[in-house]
PDB file of N, CA and C in Angstrom:
ATOM      1  N   MET A   1     -83.629 -18.904 181.625  1.00  0.00           N
ATOM      2  CA  MET A   1     -83.923 -19.952 182.602  1.00  0.00           C
ATOM      3  C   MET A   1     -82.636 -20.394 183.298  1.00  0.00           C
ATOM      4  N   LYS A   2     -82.674 -20.452 184.608  1.00  0.00           N
ATOM      5  CA  LYS A   2     -81.511 -20.885 185.379  1.00  0.00           C
ATOM      6  C   LYS A   2     -81.315 -22.383 185.242  1.00  0.00           C
ATOM      7  N   HIS A   3     -80.042 -22.782 185.135  1.00  0.00           N
ATOM      8  CA  HIS A   3     -79.736 -24.208 185.207  1.00  0.00           C
ATOM      9  C   HIS A   3     -79.895 -24.649 186.660  1.00  0.00           C
ATOM     10  N   LYS A   4     -80.450 -25.842 186.835  1.00  0.00           N
ATOM     11  CA  LYS A   4     -80.697 -26.390 188.165  1.00  0.00           C
ATOM     12  C   LYS A   4     -79.649 -27.465 188.459  1.00  0.00           C
ATOM     13  N   ILE A   5     -79.043 -27.373 189.641  1.00  0.00           N
ATOM     14  CA  ILE A   5     -78.011 -28.317 190.068  1.00  0.00           C
ATOM     15  C   ILE A   5     -78.419 -28.936 191.402  1.00  0.00           C
ATOM     16  N   VAL A   6     -78.369 -30.270 191.489  1.00  0.00           N
ATOM     17  CA  VAL A   6     -78.492 -30.934 192.788  1.00  0.00           C
ATOM     18  C   VAL A   6     -77.066 -31.177 193.276  1.00  0.00           C
ATOM     19  N   PHE A   7     -76.789 -30.711 194.490  1.00  0.00           N
ATOM     20  CA  PHE A   7     -75.453 -30.776 195.081  1.00  0.00           C
ATOM     21  C   PHE A   7     -75.527 -31.616 196.349  1.00  0.00           C
ATOM     22  N   ALA A   8     -74.850 -32.764 196.340  1.00  0.00           N
ATOM     23  CA  ALA A   8     -74.842 -33.671 197.483  1.00  0.00           C
ATOM     24  C   ALA A   8     -73.515 -33.546 198.221  1.00  0.00           C
ATOM     25  N   GLU A   9     -73.579 -33.008 199.424  1.00  0.00           N
ATOM     26  CA  GLU A   9     -72.376 -32.742 200.222  1.00  0.00           C
ATOM     27  C   GLU A   9     -72.770 -32.719 201.693  1.00  0.00           C
ATOM     28  N   ASP A  10     -72.078 -33.530 202.518  1.00  0.00           N
ATOM     29  CA  ASP A  10     -72.442 -33.596 203.933  1.00  0.00           C
ATOM     30  C   ASP A  10     -71.648 -32.645 204.823  1.00  0.00           C
ATOM     31  N   GLU A  11     -70.688 -31.925 204.262  1.00  0.00           N
ATOM     32  CA  GLU A  11     -69.909 -30.957 205.036  1.00  0.00           C
ATOM     33  C   GLU A  11     -70.474 -29.554 204.822  1.00  0.00           C
ATOM     34  N   PRO A  12     -71.137 -28.959 205.839  1.00  0.00           N
ATOM     35  CA  PRO A  12     -71.794 -27.661 205.660  1.00  0.00           C
ATOM     36  C   PRO A  12     -70.876 -26.538 205.175  1.00  0.00           C
ATOM     37  N   GLN A  13     -69.616 -26.489 205.653  1.00  0.00           N
ATOM     38  CA  GLN A  13     -68.729 -25.401 205.227  1.00  0.00           C
ATOM     39  C   GLN A  13     -68.421 -25.487 203.738  1.00  0.00           C
ATOM     40  N   ILE A  14     -68.141 -26.684 203.260  1.00  0.00           N
ATOM     41  CA  ILE A  14     -67.875 -26.884 201.837  1.00  0.00           C
ATOM     42  C   ILE A  14     -69.132 -26.556 201.034  1.00  0.00           C
ATOM     43  N   ALA A  15     -70.275 -27.001 201.537  1.00  0.00           N
ATOM     44  CA  ALA A  15     -71.538 -26.760 200.839  1.00  0.00           C
ATOM     45  C   ALA A  15     -71.821 -25.266 200.718  1.00  0.00           C
ATOM     46  N   ARG A  16     -71.685 -24.537 201.802  1.00  0.00           N
ATOM     47  CA  ARG A  16     -71.988 -23.092 201.776  1.00  0.00           C
ATOM     48  C   ARG A  16     -71.089 -22.366 200.779  1.00  0.00           C
ATOM     49  N   LEU A  17     -69.804 -22.644 200.821  1.00  0.00           N
ATOM     50  CA  LEU A  17     -68.846 -22.004 199.916  1.00  0.00           C
ATOM     51  C   LEU A  17     -69.175 -22.320 198.451  1.00  0.00           C
ATOM     52  N   THR A  18     -69.450 -23.573 198.184  1.00  0.00           N
ATOM     53  CA  THR A  18     -69.724 -24.011 196.812  1.00  0.00           C
ATOM     54  C   THR A  18     -71.051 -23.431 196.307  1.00  0.00           C
ATOM     55  N   ILE A  19     -72.064 -23.487 197.144  1.00  0.00           N
ATOM     56  CA  ILE A  19     -73.374 -22.952 196.752  1.00  0.00           C
ATOM     57  C   ILE A  19     -73.267 -21.447 196.492  1.00  0.00           C
ATOM     58  N   PHE A  20     -72.543 -20.741 197.339  1.00  0.00           N
ATOM     59  CA  PHE A  20     -72.356 -19.300 197.150  1.00  0.00           C
ATOM     60  C   PHE A  20     -71.765 -19.023 195.773  1.00  0.00           C
ATOM     61  N   LYS A  21     -70.711 -19.727 195.414  1.00  0.00           N
ATOM     62  CA  LYS A  21     -70.046 -19.509 194.126  1.00  0.00           C
ATOM     63  C   LYS A  21     -70.969 -19.870 192.964  1.00  0.00           C
ATOM     64  N   LEU A  22     -71.643 -21.011 193.049  1.00  0.00           N
ATOM     65  CA  LEU A  22     -72.524 -21.440 191.955  1.00  0.00           C
ATOM     66  C   LEU A  22     -73.719 -20.498 191.791  1.00  0.00           C
ATOM     67  N   GLU A  23     -74.261 -20.017 192.905  1.00  0.00           N
ATOM     68  CA  GLU A  23     -75.380 -19.069 192.811  1.00  0.00           C
ATOM     69  C   GLU A  23     -74.924 -17.731 192.242  1.00  0.00           C
ATOM     70  N   LEU A  24     -73.699 -17.310 192.568  1.00  0.00           N
ATOM     71  CA  LEU A  24     -73.135 -16.091 191.970  1.00  0.00           C
ATOM     72  C   LEU A  24     -73.049 -16.224 190.442  1.00  0.00           C
ATOM     73  N   GLU A  25     -72.798 -17.446 189.993  1.00  0.00           N
ATOM     74  CA  GLU A  25     -72.698 -17.705 188.551  1.00  0.00           C
ATOM     75  C   GLU A  25     -74.070 -17.859 187.897  1.00  0.00           C
ATOM     76  N   GLY A  26     -75.133 -17.785 188.707  1.00  0.00           N
ATOM     77  CA  GLY A  26     -76.478 -17.808 188.147  1.00  0.00           C
ATOM     78  C   GLY A  26     -77.185 -19.151 188.173  1.00  0.00           C
ATOM     79  N   TYR A  27     -76.638 -20.120 188.891  1.00  0.00           N
ATOM     80  CA  TYR A  27     -77.266 -21.441 188.963  1.00  0.00           C
ATOM     81  C   TYR A  27     -78.223 -21.525 190.152  1.00  0.00           C
ATOM     82  N   GLU A  28     -79.263 -22.336 189.999  1.00  0.00           N
ATOM     83  CA  GLU A  28     -80.133 -22.680 191.118  1.00  0.00           C
ATOM     84  C   GLU A  28     -79.569 -23.954 191.725  1.00  0.00           C
ATOM     85  N   VAL A  29     -79.255 -23.928 193.015  1.00  0.00           N
ATOM     86  CA  VAL A  29     -78.621 -25.073 193.664  1.00  0.00           C
ATOM     87  C   VAL A  29     -79.550 -25.666 194.726  1.00  0.00           C
ATOM     88  N   ILE A  30     -79.758 -26.971 194.638  1.00  0.00           N
ATOM     89  CA  ILE A  30     -80.539 -27.705 195.632  1.00  0.00           C
ATOM     90  C   ILE A  30     -79.543 -28.556 196.415  1.00  0.00           C
ATOM     91  N   TRP A  31     -79.385 -28.254 197.709  1.00  0.00           N
ATOM     92  CA  TRP A  31     -78.383 -28.934 198.531  1.00  0.00           C
ATOM     93  C   TRP A  31     -79.021 -30.082 199.293  1.00  0.00           C
ATOM     94  N   GLU A  32     -78.402 -31.245 199.173  1.00  0.00           N
ATOM     95  CA  GLU A  32     -78.804 -32.423 199.944  1.00  0.00           C
ATOM     96  C   GLU A  32     -77.604 -32.891 200.761  1.00  0.00           C
ATOM     97  N   LYS A  33     -77.865 -33.351 201.992  1.00  0.00           N
ATOM     98  CA  LYS A  33     -76.780 -33.665 202.926  1.00  0.00           C
ATOM     99  C   LYS A  33     -76.411 -35.147 202.983  1.00  0.00           C
ATOM    100  N   ASP A  34     -77.144 -36.000 202.238  1.00  0.00           N
ATOM    101  CA  ASP A  34     -76.770 -37.415 202.195  1.00  0.00           C
ATOM    102  C   ASP A  34     -77.178 -37.990 200.842  1.00  0.00           C
ATOM    103  N   GLY A  35     -76.608 -39.141 200.531  1.00  0.00           N
ATOM    104  CA  GLY A  35     -76.828 -39.739 199.221  1.00  0.00           C
ATOM    105  C   GLY A  35     -78.262 -40.159 198.952  1.00  0.00           C
ATOM    106  N   GLY A  36     -78.947 -40.646 199.974  1.00  0.00           N
ATOM    107  CA  GLY A  36     -80.337 -41.057 199.797  1.00  0.00           C
ATOM    108  C   GLY A  36     -81.229 -39.873 199.455  1.00  0.00           C
ATOM    109  N   ALA A  37     -81.074 -38.789 200.203  1.00  0.00           N
ATOM    110  CA  ALA A  37     -81.856 -37.577 199.935  1.00  0.00           C
ATOM    111  C   ALA A  37     -81.491 -37.005 198.569  1.00  0.00           C
ATOM    112  N   ALA A  38     -80.214 -37.090 198.212  1.00  0.00           N
ATOM    113  CA  ALA A  38     -79.775 -36.584 196.908  1.00  0.00           C
ATOM    114  C   ALA A  38     -80.449 -37.354 195.778  1.00  0.00           C
ATOM    115  N   TYR A  39     -80.482 -38.663 195.887  1.00  0.00           N
ATOM    116  CA  TYR A  39     -81.096 -39.474 194.827  1.00  0.00           C
ATOM    117  C   TYR A  39     -82.583 -39.131 194.684  1.00  0.00           C
ATOM    118  N   GLU A  40     -83.281 -39.007 195.801  1.00  0.00           N
ATOM    119  CA  GLU A  40     -84.705 -38.648 195.754  1.00  0.00           C
ATOM    120  C   GLU A  40     -84.894 -37.259 195.149  1.00  0.00           C
ATOM    121  N   SER A  41     -84.004 -36.340 195.494  1.00  0.00           N
ATOM    122  CA  SER A  41     -84.069 -34.975 194.977  1.00  0.00           C
ATOM    123  C   SER A  41     -83.800 -34.947 193.469  1.00  0.00           C
ATOM    124  N   ILE A  42     -82.874 -35.772 193.021  1.00  0.00           N
ATOM    125  CA  ILE A  42     -82.569 -35.860 191.591  1.00  0.00           C
ATOM    126  C   ILE A  42     -83.803 -36.353 190.838  1.00  0.00           C
ATOM    127  N   LYS A  43     -84.465 -37.379 191.380  1.00  0.00           N
ATOM    128  CA  LYS A  43     -85.674 -37.904 190.742  1.00  0.00           C
ATOM    129  C   LYS A  43     -86.782 -36.847 190.719  1.00  0.00           C
ATOM    130  N   ALA A  44     -86.928 -36.108 191.803  1.00  0.00           N
ATOM    131  CA  ALA A  44     -88.020 -35.133 191.926  1.00  0.00           C
ATOM    132  C   ALA A  44     -87.775 -33.850 191.131  1.00  0.00           C
ATOM    133  N   ASN A  45     -86.518 -33.424 191.030  1.00  0.00           N
ATOM    134  CA  ASN A  45     -86.208 -32.111 190.452  1.00  0.00           C
ATOM    135  C   ASN A  45     -85.691 -32.129 189.024  1.00  0.00           C
ATOM    136  N   ASN A  46     -85.307 -33.313 188.519  1.00  0.00           N
ATOM    137  CA  ASN A  46     -84.769 -33.436 187.166  1.00  0.00           C
ATOM    138  C   ASN A  46     -83.764 -32.313 186.856  1.00  0.00           C
ATOM    139  N   PRO A  47     -82.650 -32.266 187.583  1.00  0.00           N
ATOM    140  CA  PRO A  47     -81.696 -31.168 187.417  1.00  0.00           C
ATOM    141  C   PRO A  47     -80.931 -31.255 186.088  1.00  0.00           C
ATOM    142  N   ASP A  48     -80.267 -30.162 185.753  1.00  0.00           N
ATOM    143  CA  ASP A  48     -79.434 -30.120 184.550  1.00  0.00           C
ATOM    144  C   ASP A  48     -78.068 -30.756 184.812  1.00  0.00           C
ATOM    145  N   LEU A  49     -77.675 -30.813 186.093  1.00  0.00           N
ATOM    146  CA  LEU A  49     -76.369 -31.354 186.469  1.00  0.00           C
ATOM    147  C   LEU A  49     -76.426 -31.761 187.937  1.00  0.00           C
ATOM    148  N   VAL A  50     -75.616 -32.746 188.302  1.00  0.00           N
ATOM    149  CA  VAL A  50     -75.512 -33.206 189.690  1.00  0.00           C
ATOM    150  C   VAL A  50     -74.054 -33.144 190.107  1.00  0.00           C
ATOM    151  N   ILE A  51     -73.801 -32.637 191.310  1.00  0.00           N
ATOM    152  CA  ILE A  51     -72.460 -32.658 191.900  1.00  0.00           C
ATOM    153  C   ILE A  51     -72.537 -33.575 193.118  1.00  0.00           C
ATOM    154  N   LEU A  52     -71.696 -34.615 193.114  1.00  0.00           N
ATOM    155  CA  LEU A  52     -71.749 -35.631 194.172  1.00  0.00           C
ATOM    156  C   LEU A  52     -70.441 -35.748 194.939  1.00  0.00           C
ATOM    157  N   ASP A  53     -70.547 -35.668 196.251  1.00  0.00           N
ATOM    158  CA  ASP A  53     -69.457 -36.098 197.115  1.00  0.00           C
ATOM    159  C   ASP A  53     -69.511 -37.627 197.102  1.00  0.00           C
ATOM    160  N   ILE A  54     -68.425 -38.284 197.437  1.00  0.00           N
ATOM    161  CA  ILE A  54     -68.464 -39.752 197.489  1.00  0.00           C
ATOM    162  C   ILE A  54     -68.802 -40.232 198.887  1.00  0.00           C
ATOM    163  N   MET A  55     -68.082 -39.738 199.885  1.00  0.00           N
ATOM    164  CA  MET A  55     -68.272 -40.238 201.247  1.00  0.00           C
ATOM    165  C   MET A  55     -69.380 -39.456 201.945  1.00  0.00           C
ATOM    166  N   MET A  56     -70.596 -40.044 201.906  1.00  0.00           N
ATOM    167  CA  MET A  56     -71.779 -39.425 202.521  1.00  0.00           C
ATOM    168  C   MET A  56     -72.574 -40.496 203.246  1.00  0.00           C
ATOM    169  N   PRO A  57     -73.408 -40.063 204.193  1.00  0.00           N
ATOM    170  CA  PRO A  57     -74.301 -41.021 204.858  1.00  0.00           C
ATOM    171  C   PRO A  57     -75.367 -41.567 203.906  1.00  0.00           C
ATOM    172  N   VAL A  58     -76.004 -42.629 204.301  1.00  0.00           N
ATOM    173  CA  VAL A  58     -77.129 -43.311 203.639  1.00  0.00           C
ATOM    174  C   VAL A  58     -76.689 -44.023 202.359  1.00  0.00           C
ATOM    175  N   MET A  59     -76.278 -43.270 201.338  1.00  0.00           N
ATOM    176  CA  MET A  59     -75.737 -43.845 200.097  1.00  0.00           C
ATOM    177  C   MET A  59     -74.512 -43.033 199.728  1.00  0.00           C
ATOM    178  N   ASP A  60     -73.434 -43.698 199.302  1.00  0.00           N
ATOM    179  CA  ASP A  60     -72.275 -42.909 198.885  1.00  0.00           C
ATOM    180  C   ASP A  60     -72.473 -42.423 197.446  1.00  0.00           C
ATOM    181  N   GLY A  61     -71.587 -41.536 197.018  1.00  0.00           N
ATOM    182  CA  GLY A  61     -71.716 -40.940 195.693  1.00  0.00           C
ATOM    183  C   GLY A  61     -71.654 -41.954 194.568  1.00  0.00           C
ATOM    184  N   TYR A  62     -70.834 -42.989 194.727  1.00  0.00           N
ATOM    185  CA  TYR A  62     -70.769 -44.037 193.701  1.00  0.00           C
ATOM    186  C   TYR A  62     -72.123 -44.733 193.553  1.00  0.00           C
ATOM    187  N   GLN A  63     -72.777 -45.011 194.691  1.00  0.00           N
ATOM    188  CA  GLN A  63     -74.081 -45.683 194.648  1.00  0.00           C
ATOM    189  C   GLN A  63     -75.135 -44.797 193.980  1.00  0.00           C
ATOM    190  N   VAL A  64     -75.106 -43.504 194.293  1.00  0.00           N
ATOM    191  CA  VAL A  64     -76.052 -42.574 193.668  1.00  0.00           C
ATOM    192  C   VAL A  64     -75.826 -42.542 192.157  1.00  0.00           C
ATOM    193  N   LEU A  65     -74.563 -42.415 191.753  1.00  0.00           N
ATOM    194  CA  LEU A  65     -74.223 -42.369 190.328  1.00  0.00           C
ATOM    195  C   LEU A  65     -74.668 -43.643 189.615  1.00  0.00           C
ATOM    196  N   LYS A  66     -74.410 -44.788 190.232  1.00  0.00           N
ATOM    197  CA  LYS A  66     -74.794 -46.070 189.631  1.00  0.00           C
ATOM    198  C   LYS A  66     -76.314 -46.151 189.451  1.00  0.00           C
ATOM    199  N   LYS A  67     -77.065 -45.755 190.481  1.00  0.00           N
ATOM    200  CA  LYS A  67     -78.534 -45.777 190.389  1.00  0.00           C
ATOM    201  C   LYS A  67     -79.034 -44.817 189.315  1.00  0.00           C
ATOM    202  N   MET A  68     -78.388 -43.669 189.199  1.00  0.00           N
ATOM    203  CA  MET A  68     -78.784 -42.712 188.154  1.00  0.00           C
ATOM    204  C   MET A  68     -78.590 -43.317 186.769  1.00  0.00           C
ATOM    205  N   LYS A  69     -77.459 -43.958 186.556  1.00  0.00           N
ATOM    206  CA  LYS A  69     -77.134 -44.495 185.230  1.00  0.00           C
ATOM    207  C   LYS A  69     -78.029 -45.688 184.882  1.00  0.00           C
ATOM    208  N   GLU A  70     -78.624 -46.332 185.890  1.00  0.00           N
ATOM    209  CA  GLU A  70     -79.542 -47.458 185.653  1.00  0.00           C
ATOM    210  C   GLU A  70     -80.974 -46.987 185.394  1.00  0.00           C
ATOM    211  N   ASP A  71     -81.239 -45.694 185.609  1.00  0.00           N
ATOM    212  CA  ASP A  71     -82.591 -45.144 185.468  1.00  0.00           C
ATOM    213  C   ASP A  71     -82.712 -44.407 184.128  1.00  0.00           C
ATOM    214  N   GLU A  72     -83.629 -44.843 183.283  1.00  0.00           N
ATOM    215  CA  GLU A  72     -83.824 -44.239 181.958  1.00  0.00           C
ATOM    216  C   GLU A  72     -84.047 -42.729 182.026  1.00  0.00           C
ATOM    217  N   ASN A  73     -84.731 -42.256 183.064  1.00  0.00           N
ATOM    218  CA  ASN A  73     -85.042 -40.830 183.183  1.00  0.00           C
ATOM    219  C   ASN A  73     -83.880 -39.994 183.709  1.00  0.00           C
ATOM    220  N   LEU A  74     -82.880 -40.645 184.300  1.00  0.00           N
ATOM    221  CA  LEU A  74     -81.784 -39.904 184.938  1.00  0.00           C
ATOM    222  C   LEU A  74     -80.427 -40.126 184.285  1.00  0.00           C
ATOM    223  N   LYS A  75     -80.311 -41.138 183.459  1.00  0.00           N
ATOM    224  CA  LYS A  75     -78.987 -41.569 182.994  1.00  0.00           C
ATOM    225  C   LYS A  75     -78.236 -40.533 182.157  1.00  0.00           C
ATOM    226  N   ASN A  76     -78.940 -39.582 181.565  1.00  0.00           N
ATOM    227  CA  ASN A  76     -78.268 -38.584 180.727  1.00  0.00           C
ATOM    228  C   ASN A  76     -77.933 -37.289 181.461  1.00  0.00           C
ATOM    229  N   ILE A  77     -78.244 -37.218 182.762  1.00  0.00           N
ATOM    230  CA  ILE A  77     -77.884 -36.032 183.548  1.00  0.00           C
ATOM    231  C   ILE A  77     -76.389 -36.104 183.855  1.00  0.00           C
ATOM    232  N   PRO A  78     -75.614 -35.074 183.469  1.00  0.00           N
ATOM    233  CA  PRO A  78     -74.178 -35.112 183.758  1.00  0.00           C
ATOM    234  C   PRO A  78     -73.910 -35.020 185.262  1.00  0.00           C
ATOM    235  N   VAL A  79     -72.872 -35.744 185.687  1.00  0.00           N
ATOM    236  CA  VAL A  79     -72.498 -35.798 187.106  1.00  0.00           C
ATOM    237  C   VAL A  79     -71.036 -35.409 187.260  1.00  0.00           C
ATOM    238  N   VAL A  80     -70.773 -34.531 188.223  1.00  0.00           N
ATOM    239  CA  VAL A  80     -69.410 -34.167 188.607  1.00  0.00           C
ATOM    240  C   VAL A  80     -69.178 -34.747 189.999  1.00  0.00           C
ATOM    241  N   MET A  81     -68.156 -35.560 190.128  1.00  0.00           N
ATOM    242  CA  MET A  81     -67.771 -36.078 191.440  1.00  0.00           C
ATOM    243  C   MET A  81     -66.859 -35.031 192.086  1.00  0.00           C
ATOM    244  N   LEU A  82     -67.149 -34.660 193.328  1.00  0.00           N
ATOM    245  CA  LEU A  82     -66.363 -33.673 194.079  1.00  0.00           C
ATOM    246  C   LEU A  82     -66.048 -34.306 195.423  1.00  0.00           C
ATOM    247  N   THR A  83     -64.798 -34.759 195.578  1.00  0.00           N
ATOM    248  CA  THR A  83     -64.495 -35.632 196.711  1.00  0.00           C
ATOM    249  C   THR A  83     -63.047 -35.531 197.160  1.00  0.00           C
ATOM    250  N   VAL A  84     -62.812 -35.956 198.377  1.00  0.00           N
ATOM    251  CA  VAL A  84     -61.456 -36.022 198.907  1.00  0.00           C
ATOM    252  C   VAL A  84     -60.746 -37.290 198.392  1.00  0.00           C
ATOM    253  N   ARG A  85     -61.514 -38.213 197.829  1.00  0.00           N
ATOM    254  CA  ARG A  85     -60.940 -39.484 197.363  1.00  0.00           C
ATOM    255  C   ARG A  85     -60.217 -39.267 196.037  1.00  0.00           C
ATOM    256  N   GLY A  86     -58.902 -39.082 196.130  1.00  0.00           N
ATOM    257  CA  GLY A  86     -58.121 -38.714 194.955  1.00  0.00           C
ATOM    258  C   GLY A  86     -57.184 -39.786 194.448  1.00  0.00           C
ATOM    259  N   GLN A  87     -57.330 -41.015 194.943  1.00  0.00           N
ATOM    260  CA  GLN A  87     -56.482 -42.093 194.445  1.00  0.00           C
ATOM    261  C   GLN A  87     -56.886 -42.437 193.013  1.00  0.00           C
ATOM    262  N   GLU A  88     -55.912 -42.897 192.243  1.00  0.00           N
ATOM    263  CA  GLU A  88     -56.166 -43.212 190.836  1.00  0.00           C
ATOM    264  C   GLU A  88     -57.355 -44.156 190.666  1.00  0.00           C
ATOM    265  N   GLN A  89     -57.447 -45.197 191.513  1.00  0.00           N
ATOM    266  CA  GLN A  89     -58.549 -46.159 191.360  1.00  0.00           C
ATOM    267  C   GLN A  89     -59.907 -45.522 191.658  1.00  0.00           C
ATOM    268  N   ASP A  90     -59.940 -44.527 192.563  1.00  0.00           N
ATOM    269  CA  ASP A  90     -61.192 -43.823 192.861  1.00  0.00           C
ATOM    270  C   ASP A  90     -61.646 -43.019 191.646  1.00  0.00           C
ATOM    271  N   ILE A  91     -60.706 -42.309 191.043  1.00  0.00           N
ATOM    272  CA  ILE A  91     -61.012 -41.472 189.881  1.00  0.00           C
ATOM    273  C   ILE A  91     -61.469 -42.342 188.710  1.00  0.00           C
ATOM    274  N   ILE A  92     -60.754 -43.426 188.467  1.00  0.00           N
ATOM    275  CA  ILE A  92     -61.126 -44.335 187.378  1.00  0.00           C
ATOM    276  C   ILE A  92     -62.513 -44.918 187.627  1.00  0.00           C
ATOM    277  N   ARG A  93     -62.793 -45.296 188.868  1.00  0.00           N
ATOM    278  CA  ARG A  93     -64.119 -45.846 189.187  1.00  0.00           C
ATOM    279  C   ARG A  93     -65.212 -44.817 188.887  1.00  0.00           C
ATOM    280  N   GLY A  94     -64.973 -43.565 189.248  1.00  0.00           N
ATOM    281  CA  GLY A  94     -65.945 -42.513 188.970  1.00  0.00           C
ATOM    282  C   GLY A  94     -66.240 -42.390 187.485  1.00  0.00           C
ATOM    283  N   PHE A  95     -65.192 -42.382 186.667  1.00  0.00           N
ATOM    284  CA  PHE A  95     -65.390 -42.286 185.218  1.00  0.00           C
ATOM    285  C   PHE A  95     -66.024 -43.557 184.661  1.00  0.00           C
ATOM    286  N   ASP A  96     -65.604 -44.715 185.177  1.00  0.00           N
ATOM    287  CA  ASP A  96     -66.195 -45.980 184.716  1.00  0.00           C
ATOM    288  C   ASP A  96     -67.695 -46.038 184.995  1.00  0.00           C
ATOM    289  N   LEU A  97     -68.119 -45.438 186.099  1.00  0.00           N
ATOM    290  CA  LEU A  97     -69.545 -45.428 186.449  1.00  0.00           C
ATOM    291  C   LEU A  97     -70.321 -44.373 185.650  1.00  0.00           C
ATOM    292  N   GLY A  98     -69.587 -43.480 184.974  1.00  0.00           N
ATOM    293  CA  GLY A  98     -70.263 -42.539 184.089  1.00  0.00           C
ATOM    294  C   GLY A  98     -70.210 -41.078 184.478  1.00  0.00           C
ATOM    295  N   SER A  99     -69.312 -40.693 185.396  1.00  0.00           N
ATOM    296  CA  SER A  99     -69.252 -39.268 185.738  1.00  0.00           C
ATOM    297  C   SER A  99     -68.650 -38.477 184.576  1.00  0.00           C
ATOM    298  N   ALA A 100     -69.099 -37.233 184.436  1.00  0.00           N
ATOM    299  CA  ALA A 100     -68.608 -36.354 183.375  1.00  0.00           C
ATOM    300  C   ALA A 100     -67.288 -35.706 183.772  1.00  0.00           C
ATOM    301  N   ASP A 101     -67.070 -35.547 185.077  1.00  0.00           N
ATOM    302  CA  ASP A 101     -65.844 -34.932 185.571  1.00  0.00           C
ATOM    303  C   ASP A 101     -65.600 -35.427 186.989  1.00  0.00           C
ATOM    304  N   TYR A 102     -64.369 -35.240 187.472  1.00  0.00           N
ATOM    305  CA  TYR A 102     -63.980 -35.718 188.798  1.00  0.00           C
ATOM    306  C   TYR A 102     -63.021 -34.685 189.373  1.00  0.00           C
ATOM    307  N   ILE A 103     -63.418 -34.050 190.458  1.00  0.00           N
ATOM    308  CA  ILE A 103     -62.617 -33.003 191.078  1.00  0.00           C
ATOM    309  C   ILE A 103     -62.261 -33.433 192.497  1.00  0.00           C
ATOM    310  N   VAL A 104     -60.971 -33.340 192.817  1.00  0.00           N
ATOM    311  CA  VAL A 104     -60.485 -33.770 194.129  1.00  0.00           C
ATOM    312  C   VAL A 104     -60.400 -32.563 195.068  1.00  0.00           C
ATOM    313  N   LYS A 105     -60.911 -32.734 196.296  1.00  0.00           N
ATOM    314  CA  LYS A 105     -60.794 -31.716 197.343  1.00  0.00           C
ATOM    315  C   LYS A 105     -59.387 -31.768 197.920  1.00  0.00           C
ATOM    316  N   PRO A 106     -58.816 -30.657 198.365  1.00  0.00           N
ATOM    317  CA  PRO A 106     -59.405 -29.322 198.307  1.00  0.00           C
ATOM    318  C   PRO A 106     -59.467 -28.822 196.860  1.00  0.00           C
ATOM    319  N   PHE A 107     -60.460 -28.020 196.577  1.00  0.00           N
ATOM    320  CA  PHE A 107     -60.675 -27.547 195.217  1.00  0.00           C
ATOM    321  C   PHE A 107     -60.881 -26.041 195.235  1.00  0.00           C
ATOM    322  N   ARG A 108     -60.814 -25.445 194.052  1.00  0.00           N
ATOM    323  CA  ARG A 108     -61.053 -24.019 193.911  1.00  0.00           C
ATOM    324  C   ARG A 108     -62.473 -23.834 193.372  1.00  0.00           C
ATOM    325  N   PRO A 109     -63.348 -23.146 194.115  1.00  0.00           N
ATOM    326  CA  PRO A 109     -64.732 -22.970 193.672  1.00  0.00           C
ATOM    327  C   PRO A 109     -64.861 -22.371 192.264  1.00  0.00           C
ATOM    328  N   ALA A 110     -63.968 -21.454 191.905  1.00  0.00           N
ATOM    329  CA  ALA A 110     -64.036 -20.857 190.565  1.00  0.00           C
ATOM    330  C   ALA A 110     -63.741 -21.905 189.488  1.00  0.00           C
ATOM    331  N   GLU A 111     -62.835 -22.826 189.786  1.00  0.00           N
ATOM    332  CA  GLU A 111     -62.537 -23.902 188.836  1.00  0.00           C
ATOM    333  C   GLU A 111     -63.749 -24.825 188.696  1.00  0.00           C
ATOM    334  N   LEU A 112     -64.381 -25.165 189.817  1.00  0.00           N
ATOM    335  CA  LEU A 112     -65.586 -25.990 189.765  1.00  0.00           C
ATOM    336  C   LEU A 112     -66.647 -25.308 188.906  1.00  0.00           C
ATOM    337  N   ALA A 113     -66.866 -24.007 189.138  1.00  0.00           N
ATOM    338  CA  ALA A 113     -67.873 -23.267 188.375  1.00  0.00           C
ATOM    339  C   ALA A 113     -67.538 -23.279 186.881  1.00  0.00           C
ATOM    340  N   ALA A 114     -66.261 -23.149 186.534  1.00  0.00           N
ATOM    341  CA  ALA A 114     -65.850 -23.178 185.126  1.00  0.00           C
ATOM    342  C   ALA A 114     -66.108 -24.548 184.507  1.00  0.00           C
ATOM    343  N   ARG A 115     -65.837 -25.601 185.257  1.00  0.00           N
ATOM    344  CA  ARG A 115     -66.083 -26.957 184.744  1.00  0.00           C
ATOM    345  C   ARG A 115     -67.577 -27.218 184.577  1.00  0.00           C
ATOM    346  N   VAL A 116     -68.378 -26.757 185.535  1.00  0.00           N
ATOM    347  CA  VAL A 116     -69.832 -26.899 185.450  1.00  0.00           C
ATOM    348  C   VAL A 116     -70.341 -26.177 184.203  1.00  0.00           C
ATOM    349  N   LYS A 117     -69.871 -24.960 184.002  1.00  0.00           N
ATOM    350  CA  LYS A 117     -70.295 -24.176 182.836  1.00  0.00           C
ATOM    351  C   LYS A 117     -69.960 -24.904 181.538  1.00  0.00           C
ATOM    352  N   LYS A 118     -68.764 -25.451 181.464  1.00  0.00           N
ATOM    353  CA  LYS A 118     -68.340 -26.153 180.253  1.00  0.00           C
ATOM    354  C   LYS A 118     -69.251 -27.368 179.980  1.00  0.00           C
ATOM    355  N   ILE A 119     -69.540 -28.136 181.008  1.00  0.00           N
ATOM    356  CA  ILE A 119     -70.394 -29.319 180.850  1.00  0.00           C
ATOM    357  C   ILE A 119     -71.808 -28.907 180.402  1.00  0.00           C
ATOM    358  N   LEU A 120     -72.338 -27.873 181.017  1.00  0.00           N
ATOM    359  CA  LEU A 120     -73.700 -27.445 180.702  1.00  0.00           C
ATOM    360  C   LEU A 120     -73.809 -26.815 179.309  1.00  0.00           C
ATOM    361  N   GLU A 121     -72.700 -26.327 178.785  1.00  0.00           N
ATOM    362  CA  GLU A 121     -72.722 -25.711 177.445  1.00  0.00           C
ATOM    363  C   GLU A 121     -72.500 -26.729 176.331  1.00  0.00           C
ATOM    364  N   GLU A 122     -72.091 -27.944 176.685  1.00  0.00           N
ATOM    365  CA  GLU A 122     -71.808 -28.961 175.654  1.00  0.00           C
ATOM    366  C   GLU A 122     -73.088 -29.498 175.047  1.00  0.00           C
TER     367      GLU A 122
END
């Protein structure tokens, strides 16, 4: 059975590259282009993992993560933050809200895939 990932990213080039790499690794990826659609998709698809950009339309990644952690059905889904926001306070906020990992852009898709694999195998 393929692991299912909801990937929230509003930049199409980043999304295509990341989805290509994750699908090569055998994951099913559901791409959403804004935080609101991502949250609805997470509720509907019950993924094994979520990858969230922070700066997105409708709801930012922090808001999506916070709503997930407040929902009994979603709170145990691991979340990887994938964002250009690399300041120490941004990273700490991501972990404080409950993210499993935090990756700053620009990033290496193979590294992201390795981190996803590690989280899903735990």
